[in-house]
Amino acid sequence: MPVTRRVVLKRLATVTDAGSRETTTIEALAAGLDADERAVKAHLDGLADCELARIYANGSVRVTITGEELLELGADEAVIVDFPTTDTER
């Protein structure tokens, strides 16, 4: 069964901490989800675009405070987050 972006965010929030900046690796996150590493990376890229996750140059990742707060809302439905753009026609 494919992993969803929400599942990746929830797992990331479980194994990392925004306040203390505790991180994990993409490999460890994928292993913990029993998911394909490329799929997890793609979801993390999308989460990072929306400032829900932080990906560091050394390959470590963590949830952001915004990501933690979104999960605390307990919204079971889809939440659309639009990341900033320089496109003036939007």
C-alpha atoms as a PDB file:
ATOM      1  CA  MET A   1       0.000   0.000   0.000  1.00  0.00           C
ATOM      2  CA  PRO A   2       1.481   3.377  -0.966  1.00  0.00           C
ATOM      3  CA  VAL A   3       2.402   5.772   1.795  1.00  0.00           C
ATOM      4  CA  THR A   4       0.550   9.109   1.916  1.00  0.00           C
ATOM      5  CA  ARG A   5       1.984  12.538   2.613  1.00  0.00           C
ATOM      6  CA  ARG A   6      -0.053  12.761   5.823  1.00  0.00           C
ATOM      7  CA  VAL A   7       1.373   9.457   7.061  1.00  0.00           C
ATOM      8  CA  VAL A   8       4.890  10.718   6.334  1.00  0.00           C
ATOM      9  CA  LEU A   9       4.185  13.947   8.237  1.00  0.00           C
ATOM     10  CA  LYS A  10       2.733  12.071  11.217  1.00  0.00           C
ATOM     11  CA  ARG A  11       5.696   9.704  11.390  1.00  0.00           C
ATOM     12  CA  LEU A  12       8.138  12.586  11.003  1.00  0.00           C
ATOM     13  CA  ALA A  13       6.463  14.388  13.900  1.00  0.00           C
ATOM     14  CA  THR A  14       6.704  11.228  16.007  1.00  0.00           C
ATOM     15  CA  VAL A  15      10.422  10.675  15.489  1.00  0.00           C
ATOM     16  CA  THR A  16      11.642  14.312  15.364  1.00  0.00           C
ATOM     17  CA  ASP A  17      11.033  17.502  17.301  1.00  0.00           C
ATOM     18  CA  ALA A  18      10.851  21.054  15.982  1.00  0.00           C
ATOM     19  CA  GLY A  19      11.599  22.724  19.306  1.00  0.00           C
ATOM     20  CA  SER A  20      14.772  20.802  20.023  1.00  0.00           C
ATOM     21  CA  ARG A  21      15.588  20.442  16.300  1.00  0.00           C
ATOM     22  CA  GLU A  22      15.918  16.689  16.710  1.00  0.00           C
ATOM     23  CA  THR A  23      16.248  15.107  13.273  1.00  0.00           C
ATOM     24  CA  THR A  24      16.173  11.753  11.530  1.00  0.00           C
ATOM     25  CA  THR A  25      17.311  10.578   8.127  1.00  0.00           C
ATOM     26  CA  ILE A  26      15.211   9.957   5.070  1.00  0.00           C
ATOM     27  CA  GLU A  27      16.458   6.360   5.083  1.00  0.00           C
ATOM     28  CA  ALA A  28      15.396   5.803   8.702  1.00  0.00           C
ATOM     29  CA  LEU A  29      12.024   7.431   8.095  1.00  0.00           C
ATOM     30  CA  ALA A  30      11.377   5.239   5.043  1.00  0.00           C
ATOM     31  CA  ALA A  31      12.440   2.130   6.969  1.00  0.00           C
ATOM     32  CA  GLY A  32      10.124   3.034   9.864  1.00  0.00           C
ATOM     33  CA  LEU A  33       7.252   3.405   7.421  1.00  0.00           C
ATOM     34  CA  ASP A  34       8.226   0.263   5.490  1.00  0.00           C
ATOM     35  CA  ALA A  35       8.021   2.443   2.385  1.00  0.00           C
ATOM     36  CA  ASP A  36      10.070   3.181  -0.694  1.00  0.00           C
ATOM     37  CA  GLU A  37      12.736   5.782   0.067  1.00  0.00           C
ATOM     38  CA  ARG A  38      12.041   7.697  -3.168  1.00  0.00           C
ATOM     39  CA  ALA A  39       8.338   7.974  -2.341  1.00  0.00           C
ATOM     40  CA  VAL A  40       9.109   9.246   1.159  1.00  0.00           C
ATOM     41  CA  LYS A  41      11.612  11.754  -0.262  1.00  0.00           C
ATOM     42  CA  ALA A  42       9.008  13.034  -2.737  1.00  0.00           C
ATOM     43  CA  HIS A  43       6.508  13.544   0.099  1.00  0.00           C
ATOM     44  CA  LEU A  44       9.153  15.267   2.217  1.00  0.00           C
ATOM     45  CA  ASP A  45       9.957  17.625  -0.659  1.00  0.00           C
ATOM     46  CA  GLY A  46       6.271  18.561  -0.868  1.00  0.00           C
ATOM     47  CA  LEU A  47       6.058  19.031   2.894  1.00  0.00           C
ATOM     48  CA  ALA A  48       9.190  21.196   2.831  1.00  0.00           C
ATOM     49  CA  ASP A  49       7.690  23.331   0.041  1.00  0.00           C
ATOM     50  CA  CYS A  50       4.792  24.074   2.396  1.00  0.00           C
ATOM     51  CA  GLU A  51       7.133  24.638   5.354  1.00  0.00           C
ATOM     52  CA  LEU A  52       5.814  21.589   7.208  1.00  0.00           C
ATOM     53  CA  ALA A  53       9.173  19.802   7.138  1.00  0.00           C
ATOM     54  CA  ARG A  54      12.802  20.887   7.012  1.00  0.00           C
ATOM     55  CA  ILE A  55      15.366  19.034   4.906  1.00  0.00           C
ATOM     56  CA  TYR A  56      19.003  19.774   5.691  1.00  0.00           C
ATOM     57  CA  ALA A  57      21.914  19.601   3.255  1.00  0.00           C
ATOM     58  CA  ASN A  58      23.386  16.633   5.165  1.00  0.00           C
ATOM     59  CA  GLY A  59      20.247  14.563   4.450  1.00  0.00           C
ATOM     60  CA  SER A  60      18.649  14.882   7.868  1.00  0.00           C
ATOM     61  CA  VAL A  61      15.013  15.922   8.186  1.00  0.00           C
ATOM     62  CA  ARG A  62      12.652  17.156  10.877  1.00  0.00           C
ATOM     63  CA  VAL A  63       9.126  18.389  11.297  1.00  0.00           C
ATOM     64  CA  THR A  64       8.642  22.146  11.636  1.00  0.00           C
ATOM     65  CA  ILE A  65       6.592  23.893  14.295  1.00  0.00           C
ATOM     66  CA  THR A  66       4.004  24.585  11.586  1.00  0.00           C
ATOM     67  CA  GLY A  67       3.876  20.871  10.786  1.00  0.00           C
ATOM     68  CA  GLU A  68       3.373  20.000  14.446  1.00  0.00           C
ATOM     69  CA  GLU A  69       0.629  22.595  14.768  1.00  0.00           C
ATOM     70  CA  LEU A  70      -1.157  21.323  11.670  1.00  0.00           C
ATOM     71  CA  LEU A  71      -1.242  17.819  13.128  1.00  0.00           C
ATOM     72  CA  GLU A  72      -2.509  19.180  16.452  1.00  0.00           C
ATOM     73  CA  LEU A  73      -5.555  20.559  14.642  1.00  0.00           C
ATOM     74  CA  GLY A  74      -6.628  16.953  14.179  1.00  0.00           C
ATOM     75  CA  ALA A  75      -8.071  17.606  10.745  1.00  0.00           C
ATOM     76  CA  ASP A  76      -8.916  14.239   9.219  1.00  0.00           C
ATOM     77  CA  GLU A  77      -9.808  15.778   5.880  1.00  0.00           C
ATOM     78  CA  ALA A  78      -7.419  17.145   3.296  1.00  0.00           C
ATOM     79  CA  VAL A  79      -5.817  20.448   4.118  1.00  0.00           C
ATOM     80  CA  ILE A  80      -4.570  22.535   1.215  1.00  0.00           C
ATOM     81  CA  VAL A  81      -1.482  24.581   1.910  1.00  0.00           C
ATOM     82  CA  ASP A  82      -0.234  26.892  -0.811  1.00  0.00           C
ATOM     83  CA  PHE A  83       3.426  27.793  -0.584  1.00  0.00           C
ATOM     84  CA  PRO A  84       4.589  31.319  -1.480  1.00  0.00           C
ATOM     85  CA  THR A  85       5.104  32.148  -5.117  1.00  0.00           C
ATOM     86  CA  THR A  86       6.476  35.064  -7.062  1.00  0.00           C
ATOM     87  CA  ASP A  87       3.833  34.638  -9.750  1.00  0.00           C
ATOM     88  CA  THR A  88       1.826  37.897  -9.659  1.00  0.00           C
ATOM     89  CA  GLU A  89      -1.066  36.413 -11.634  1.00  0.00           C
ATOM     90  CA  ARG A  90      -2.043  34.028  -8.845  1.00  0.00           C
END
